[in-house]
Amino acid sequence: MIREVIRPQYTNFTINIPTSYIDREVEFIMFPLDEQEITQNIKKKKRKSLRGVFNQYADNSKISLDNTQ
């Protein structure tokens, strides 16, 4: 997959297609990116943590041994 964000200066735009894409179906999608919306989306994303994900597999009898190694 190739993704490139550009800021066109003219109504015509030429692209170079990689040779590995020749004779294959490809899709071109064009839509405007609102810079303020992108910034807000980045700020909204919270860091996800794996902390506690494997709790169900923990052997409580061995937890005290964790800190002794």
PDB file of N, CA and C in Angstrom:
ATOM      1  N   MET A   1       0.840  -1.172   0.000  1.00  0.00           N
ATOM      2  CA  MET A   1       0.000   0.000   0.000  1.00  0.00           C
ATOM      3  C   MET A   1       0.884   1.235   0.000  1.00  0.00           C
ATOM      4  N   ILE A   2       0.484   2.186  -0.766  1.00  0.00           N
ATOM      5  CA  ILE A   2       1.203   3.455  -0.837  1.00  0.00           C
ATOM      6  C   ILE A   2       0.232   4.553  -0.442  1.00  0.00           C
ATOM      7  N   ARG A   3       0.646   5.381   0.496  1.00  0.00           N
ATOM      8  CA  ARG A   3      -0.179   6.513   0.888  1.00  0.00           C
ATOM      9  C   ARG A   3       0.701   7.733   0.904  1.00  0.00           C
ATOM     10  N   GLU A   4       0.223   8.778   0.255  1.00  0.00           N
ATOM     11  CA  GLU A   4       0.993  10.014   0.219  1.00  0.00           C
ATOM     12  C   GLU A   4       0.036  11.190   0.320  1.00  0.00           C
ATOM     13  N   VAL A   5       0.309  12.084   1.237  1.00  0.00           N
ATOM     14  CA  VAL A   5      -0.486  13.291   1.388  1.00  0.00           C
ATOM     15  C   VAL A   5       0.227  14.397   0.620  1.00  0.00           C
ATOM     16  N   ILE A   6      -0.492  15.044  -0.264  1.00  0.00           N
ATOM     17  CA  ILE A   6       0.106  16.109  -1.081  1.00  0.00           C
ATOM     18  C   ILE A   6      -0.733  17.372  -0.962  1.00  0.00           C
ATOM     19  N   ARG A   7      -0.168  18.486  -1.391  1.00  0.00           N
ATOM     20  CA  ARG A   7      -0.900  19.740  -1.483  1.00  0.00           C
ATOM     21  C   ARG A   7      -0.774  20.204  -2.940  1.00  0.00           C
ATOM     22  N   PRO A   8      -1.768  19.825  -3.772  1.00  0.00           N
ATOM     23  CA  PRO A   8      -1.671  20.159  -5.193  1.00  0.00           C
ATOM     24  C   PRO A   8      -1.717  21.672  -5.436  1.00  0.00           C
ATOM     25  N   GLN A   9      -0.957  22.083  -6.424  1.00  0.00           N
ATOM     26  CA  GLN A   9      -0.919  23.493  -6.802  1.00  0.00           C
ATOM     27  C   GLN A   9      -1.643  23.750  -8.120  1.00  0.00           C
ATOM     28  N   TYR A  10      -1.982  22.668  -8.825  1.00  0.00           N
ATOM     29  CA  TYR A  10      -2.646  22.767 -10.125  1.00  0.00           C
ATOM     30  C   TYR A  10      -3.779  21.751 -10.183  1.00  0.00           C
ATOM     31  N   THR A  11      -4.633  21.862 -11.181  1.00  0.00           N
ATOM     32  CA  THR A  11      -5.743  20.919 -11.321  1.00  0.00           C
ATOM     33  C   THR A  11      -5.304  19.601 -11.927  1.00  0.00           C
ATOM     34  N   ASN A  12      -4.155  19.553 -12.565  1.00  0.00           N
ATOM     35  CA  ASN A  12      -3.633  18.308 -13.129  1.00  0.00           C
ATOM     36  C   ASN A  12      -2.523  17.775 -12.235  1.00  0.00           C
ATOM     37  N   PHE A  13      -2.502  16.459 -12.087  1.00  0.00           N
ATOM     38  CA  PHE A  13      -1.483  15.839 -11.250  1.00  0.00           C
ATOM     39  C   PHE A  13      -1.087  14.514 -11.881  1.00  0.00           C
ATOM     40  N   THR A  14       0.191  14.245 -11.986  1.00  0.00           N
ATOM     41  CA  THR A  14       0.695  13.008 -12.574  1.00  0.00           C
ATOM     42  C   THR A  14       1.338  12.170 -11.481  1.00  0.00           C
ATOM     43  N   ILE A  15       1.078  10.877 -11.517  1.00  0.00           N
ATOM     44  CA  ILE A  15       1.680   9.988 -10.529  1.00  0.00           C
ATOM     45  C   ILE A  15       2.492   8.910 -11.230  1.00  0.00           C
ATOM     46  N   ASN A  16       3.509   8.440 -10.555  1.00  0.00           N
ATOM     47  CA  ASN A  16       4.293   7.304 -11.039  1.00  0.00           C
ATOM     48  C   ASN A  16       3.797   6.060 -10.319  1.00  0.00           C
ATOM     49  N   ILE A  17       3.477   5.044 -11.092  1.00  0.00           N
ATOM     50  CA  ILE A  17       2.963   3.796 -10.538  1.00  0.00           C
ATOM     51  C   ILE A  17       4.109   2.799 -10.447  1.00  0.00           C
ATOM     52  N   PRO A  18       4.317   2.176  -9.277  1.00  0.00           N
ATOM     53  CA  PRO A  18       5.379   1.171  -9.140  1.00  0.00           C
ATOM     54  C   PRO A  18       5.159   0.008 -10.115  1.00  0.00           C
ATOM     55  N   THR A  19       6.239  -0.551 -10.598  1.00  0.00           N
ATOM     56  CA  THR A  19       6.128  -1.645 -11.570  1.00  0.00           C
ATOM     57  C   THR A  19       5.393  -2.849 -10.992  1.00  0.00           C
ATOM     58  N   SER A  20       5.448  -3.036  -9.682  1.00  0.00           N
ATOM     59  CA  SER A  20       4.735  -4.163  -9.080  1.00  0.00           C
ATOM     60  C   SER A  20       3.213  -3.993  -9.159  1.00  0.00           C
ATOM     61  N   TYR A  21       2.742  -2.784  -9.459  1.00  0.00           N
ATOM     62  CA  TYR A  21       1.308  -2.533  -9.580  1.00  0.00           C
ATOM     63  C   TYR A  21       0.817  -2.625 -11.026  1.00  0.00           C
ATOM     64  N   ILE A  22       1.723  -2.761 -11.960  1.00  0.00           N
ATOM     65  CA  ILE A  22       1.343  -2.838 -13.372  1.00  0.00           C
ATOM     66  C   ILE A  22       0.516  -4.100 -13.602  1.00  0.00           C
ATOM     67  N   ASP A  23      -0.527  -3.974 -14.388  1.00  0.00           N
ATOM     68  CA  ASP A  23      -1.438  -5.052 -14.765  1.00  0.00           C
ATOM     69  C   ASP A  23      -2.196  -5.607 -13.546  1.00  0.00           C
ATOM     70  N   ARG A  24      -2.422  -4.761 -12.558  1.00  0.00           N
ATOM     71  CA  ARG A  24      -3.224  -5.124 -11.385  1.00  0.00           C
ATOM     72  C   ARG A  24      -4.265  -4.047 -11.170  1.00  0.00           C
ATOM     73  N   GLU A  25      -5.349  -4.402 -10.513  1.00  0.00           N
ATOM     74  CA  GLU A  25      -6.347  -3.399 -10.177  1.00  0.00           C
ATOM     75  C   GLU A  25      -5.849  -2.582  -8.992  1.00  0.00           C
ATOM     76  N   VAL A  26      -5.933  -1.284  -9.122  1.00  0.00           N
ATOM     77  CA  VAL A  26      -5.559  -0.383  -8.036  1.00  0.00           C
ATOM     78  C   VAL A  26      -6.695   0.612  -7.839  1.00  0.00           C
ATOM     79  N   GLU A  27      -6.723   1.241  -6.678  1.00  0.00           N
ATOM     80  CA  GLU A  27      -7.769   2.202  -6.369  1.00  0.00           C
ATOM     81  C   GLU A  27      -7.128   3.523  -5.975  1.00  0.00           C
ATOM     82  N   PHE A  28      -7.608   4.586  -6.551  1.00  0.00           N
ATOM     83  CA  PHE A  28      -7.161   5.934  -6.192  1.00  0.00           C
ATOM     84  C   PHE A  28      -8.323   6.629  -5.497  1.00  0.00           C
ATOM     85  N   ILE A  29      -8.060   7.163  -4.342  1.00  0.00           N
ATOM     86  CA  ILE A  29      -9.087   7.880  -3.592  1.00  0.00           C
ATOM     87  C   ILE A  29      -8.544   9.273  -3.292  1.00  0.00           C
ATOM     88  N   MET A  30      -9.365  10.278  -3.544  1.00  0.00           N
ATOM     89  CA  MET A  30      -8.936  11.649  -3.277  1.00  0.00           C
ATOM     90  C   MET A  30      -9.996  12.327  -2.416  1.00  0.00           C
ATOM     91  N   PHE A  31      -9.566  12.880  -1.290  1.00  0.00           N
ATOM     92  CA  PHE A  31     -10.460  13.650  -0.450  1.00  0.00           C
ATOM     93  C   PHE A  31      -9.635  14.690   0.294  1.00  0.00           C
ATOM     94  N   PRO A  32     -10.246  15.825   0.609  1.00  0.00           N
ATOM     95  CA  PRO A  32      -9.499  16.878   1.287  1.00  0.00           C
ATOM     96  C   PRO A  32      -9.257  16.520   2.747  1.00  0.00           C
ATOM     97  N   LEU A  33      -8.095  16.866   3.241  1.00  0.00           N
ATOM     98  CA  LEU A  33      -7.770  16.676   4.647  1.00  0.00           C
ATOM     99  C   LEU A  33      -7.854  18.025   5.340  1.00  0.00           C
ATOM    100  N   ASP A  34      -8.653  18.081   6.362  1.00  0.00           N
ATOM    101  CA  ASP A  34      -8.775  19.291   7.150  1.00  0.00           C
ATOM    102  C   ASP A  34      -7.721  19.236   8.252  1.00  0.00           C
ATOM    103  N   GLU A  35      -6.747  20.107   8.194  1.00  0.00           N
ATOM    104  CA  GLU A  35      -5.626  20.072   9.136  1.00  0.00           C
ATOM    105  C   GLU A  35      -6.081  20.172  10.584  1.00  0.00           C
ATOM    106  N   GLN A  36      -7.073  20.996  10.863  1.00  0.00           N
ATOM    107  CA  GLN A  36      -7.555  21.144  12.231  1.00  0.00           C
ATOM    108  C   GLN A  36      -8.199  19.838  12.698  1.00  0.00           C
ATOM    109  N   GLU A  37      -8.942  19.183  11.815  1.00  0.00           N
ATOM    110  CA  GLU A  37      -9.581  17.912  12.167  1.00  0.00           C
ATOM    111  C   GLU A  37      -8.540  16.839  12.459  1.00  0.00           C
ATOM    112  N   ILE A  38      -7.476  16.804  11.679  1.00  0.00           N
ATOM    113  CA  ILE A  38      -6.410  15.826  11.892  1.00  0.00           C
ATOM    114  C   ILE A  38      -5.754  16.051  13.249  1.00  0.00           C
ATOM    115  N   THR A  39      -5.463  17.290  13.570  1.00  0.00           N
ATOM    116  CA  THR A  39      -4.838  17.628  14.851  1.00  0.00           C
ATOM    117  C   THR A  39      -5.730  17.216  16.010  1.00  0.00           C
ATOM    118  N   GLN A  40      -7.031  17.469  15.891  1.00  0.00           N
ATOM    119  CA  GLN A  40      -7.961  17.104  16.954  1.00  0.00           C
ATOM    120  C   GLN A  40      -8.036  15.595  17.121  1.00  0.00           C
ATOM    121  N   ASN A  41      -8.023  14.851  16.014  1.00  0.00           N
ATOM    122  CA  ASN A  41      -8.087  13.395  16.088  1.00  0.00           C
ATOM    123  C   ASN A  41      -6.856  12.826  16.772  1.00  0.00           C
ATOM    124  N   ILE A  42      -5.698  13.407  16.516  1.00  0.00           N
ATOM    125  CA  ILE A  42      -4.462  12.942  17.147  1.00  0.00           C
ATOM    126  C   ILE A  42      -4.534  13.190  18.652  1.00  0.00           C
ATOM    127  N   LYS A  43      -5.035  14.332  19.055  1.00  0.00           N
ATOM    128  CA  LYS A  43      -5.132  14.648  20.481  1.00  0.00           C
ATOM    129  C   LYS A  43      -6.144  13.745  21.177  1.00  0.00           C
ATOM    130  N   LYS A  44      -7.201  13.351  20.475  1.00  0.00           N
ATOM    131  CA  LYS A  44      -8.241  12.508  21.063  1.00  0.00           C
ATOM    132  C   LYS A  44      -7.766  11.082  21.291  1.00  0.00           C
ATOM    133  N   LYS A  45      -6.835  10.625  20.470  1.00  0.00           N
ATOM    134  CA  LYS A  45      -6.372   9.249  20.606  1.00  0.00           C
ATOM    135  C   LYS A  45      -5.637   9.097  21.928  1.00  0.00           C
ATOM    136  N   LYS A  46      -6.049   8.119  22.681  1.00  0.00           N
ATOM    137  CA  LYS A  46      -5.398   7.861  23.952  1.00  0.00           C
ATOM    138  C   LYS A  46      -4.453   6.695  23.777  1.00  0.00           C
ATOM    139  N   ARG A  47      -3.394   6.715  24.528  1.00  0.00           N
ATOM    140  CA  ARG A  47      -2.463   5.593  24.491  1.00  0.00           C
ATOM    141  C   ARG A  47      -3.138   4.378  25.099  1.00  0.00           C
ATOM    142  N   LYS A  48      -3.061   3.302  24.384  1.00  0.00           N
ATOM    143  CA  LYS A  48      -3.640   2.067  24.889  1.00  0.00           C
ATOM    144  C   LYS A  48      -2.565   1.291  25.624  1.00  0.00           C
ATOM    145  N   SER A  49      -2.956   0.659  26.691  1.00  0.00           N
ATOM    146  CA  SER A  49      -2.020  -0.082  27.510  1.00  0.00           C
ATOM    147  C   SER A  49      -2.419  -1.549  27.542  1.00  0.00           C
ATOM    148  N   LEU A  50      -1.442  -2.415  27.587  1.00  0.00           N
ATOM    149  CA  LEU A  50      -1.706  -3.842  27.720  1.00  0.00           C
ATOM    150  C   LEU A  50      -1.745  -4.258  29.177  1.00  0.00           C
ATOM    151  N   ARG A  51      -1.591  -3.297  30.060  1.00  0.00           N
ATOM    152  CA  ARG A  51      -1.573  -3.600  31.486  1.00  0.00           C
ATOM    153  C   ARG A  51      -2.891  -4.261  31.890  1.00  0.00           C
ATOM    154  N   GLY A  52      -2.808  -5.416  32.482  1.00  0.00           N
ATOM    155  CA  GLY A  52      -3.989  -6.120  32.947  1.00  0.00           C
ATOM    156  C   GLY A  52      -4.641  -7.029  31.914  1.00  0.00           C
ATOM    157  N   VAL A  53      -4.161  -7.011  30.692  1.00  0.00           N
ATOM    158  CA  VAL A  53      -4.761  -7.821  29.650  1.00  0.00           C
ATOM    159  C   VAL A  53      -4.630  -9.312  29.950  1.00  0.00           C
ATOM    160  N   PHE A  54      -3.503  -9.720  30.501  1.00  0.00           N
ATOM    161  CA  PHE A  54      -3.254 -11.133  30.762  1.00  0.00           C
ATOM    162  C   PHE A  54      -3.572 -11.531  32.203  1.00  0.00           C
ATOM    163  N   ASN A  55      -4.285 -10.684  32.909  1.00  0.00           N
ATOM    164  CA  ASN A  55      -4.652 -10.961  34.296  1.00  0.00           C
ATOM    165  C   ASN A  55      -5.366 -12.292  34.454  1.00  0.00           C
ATOM    166  N   GLN A  56      -6.195 -12.625  33.491  1.00  0.00           N
ATOM    167  CA  GLN A  56      -6.968 -13.861  33.590  1.00  0.00           C
ATOM    168  C   GLN A  56      -6.077 -15.106  33.578  1.00  0.00           C
ATOM    169  N   TYR A  57      -4.851 -14.971  33.064  1.00  0.00           N
ATOM    170  CA  TYR A  57      -3.937 -16.102  32.995  1.00  0.00           C
ATOM    171  C   TYR A  57      -2.943 -16.136  34.160  1.00  0.00           C
ATOM    172  N   ALA A  58      -3.003 -15.150  35.022  1.00  0.00           N
ATOM    173  CA  ALA A  58      -2.036 -15.059  36.123  1.00  0.00           C
ATOM    174  C   ALA A  58      -2.265 -16.174  37.138  1.00  0.00           C
ATOM    175  N   ASP A  59      -1.169 -16.699  37.621  1.00  0.00           N
ATOM    176  CA  ASP A  59      -1.223 -17.707  38.680  1.00  0.00           C
ATOM    177  C   ASP A  59      -0.891 -16.975  39.979  1.00  0.00           C
ATOM    178  N   ASN A  60      -1.923 -16.705  40.767  1.00  0.00           N
ATOM    179  CA  ASN A  60      -1.763 -15.912  41.984  1.00  0.00           C
ATOM    180  C   ASN A  60      -0.740 -16.494  42.946  1.00  0.00           C
ATOM    181  N   SER A  61      -0.550 -17.804  42.919  1.00  0.00           N
ATOM    182  CA  SER A  61       0.408 -18.413  43.831  1.00  0.00           C
ATOM    183  C   SER A  61       1.851 -18.078  43.450  1.00  0.00           C
ATOM    184  N   LYS A  62       2.081 -17.606  42.243  1.00  0.00           N
ATOM    185  CA  LYS A  62       3.441 -17.317  41.792  1.00  0.00           C
ATOM    186  C   LYS A  62       3.738 -15.813  41.760  1.00  0.00           C
ATOM    187  N   ILE A  63       2.752 -15.000  42.034  1.00  0.00           N
ATOM    188  CA  ILE A  63       2.955 -13.550  41.969  1.00  0.00           C
ATOM    189  C   ILE A  63       4.018 -13.105  42.953  1.00  0.00           C
ATOM    190  N   SER A  64       4.056 -13.709  44.139  1.00  0.00           N
ATOM    191  CA  SER A  64       5.063 -13.314  45.133  1.00  0.00           C
ATOM    192  C   SER A  64       6.483 -13.639  44.641  1.00  0.00           C
ATOM    193  N   LEU A  65       6.637 -14.583  43.737  1.00  0.00           N
ATOM    194  CA  LEU A  65       7.961 -14.941  43.204  1.00  0.00           C
ATOM    195  C   LEU A  65       8.465 -13.945  42.151  1.00  0.00           C
ATOM    196  N   ASP A  66       7.549 -13.168  41.583  1.00  0.00           N
ATOM    197  CA  ASP A  66       7.922 -12.211  40.535  1.00  0.00           C
ATOM    198  C   ASP A  66       9.000 -11.235  40.992  1.00  0.00           C
ATOM    199  N   ASN A  67       8.865 -10.696  42.163  1.00  0.00           N
ATOM    200  CA  ASN A  67       9.787  -9.667  42.643  1.00  0.00           C
ATOM    201  C   ASN A  67      11.096 -10.236  43.185  1.00  0.00           C
ATOM    202  N   THR A  68      11.195 -11.537  43.323  1.00  0.00           N
ATOM    203  CA  THR A  68      12.397 -12.119  43.902  1.00  0.00           C
ATOM    204  C   THR A  68      13.435 -12.515  42.864  1.00  0.00           C
ATOM    205  N   GLN A  69      13.128 -12.443  41.610  1.00  0.00           N
ATOM    206  CA  GLN A  69      14.066 -12.878  40.581  1.00  0.00           C
ATOM    207  C   GLN A  69      15.011 -11.783  40.184  1.00  0.00           C
TER     208      GLN A  69
END
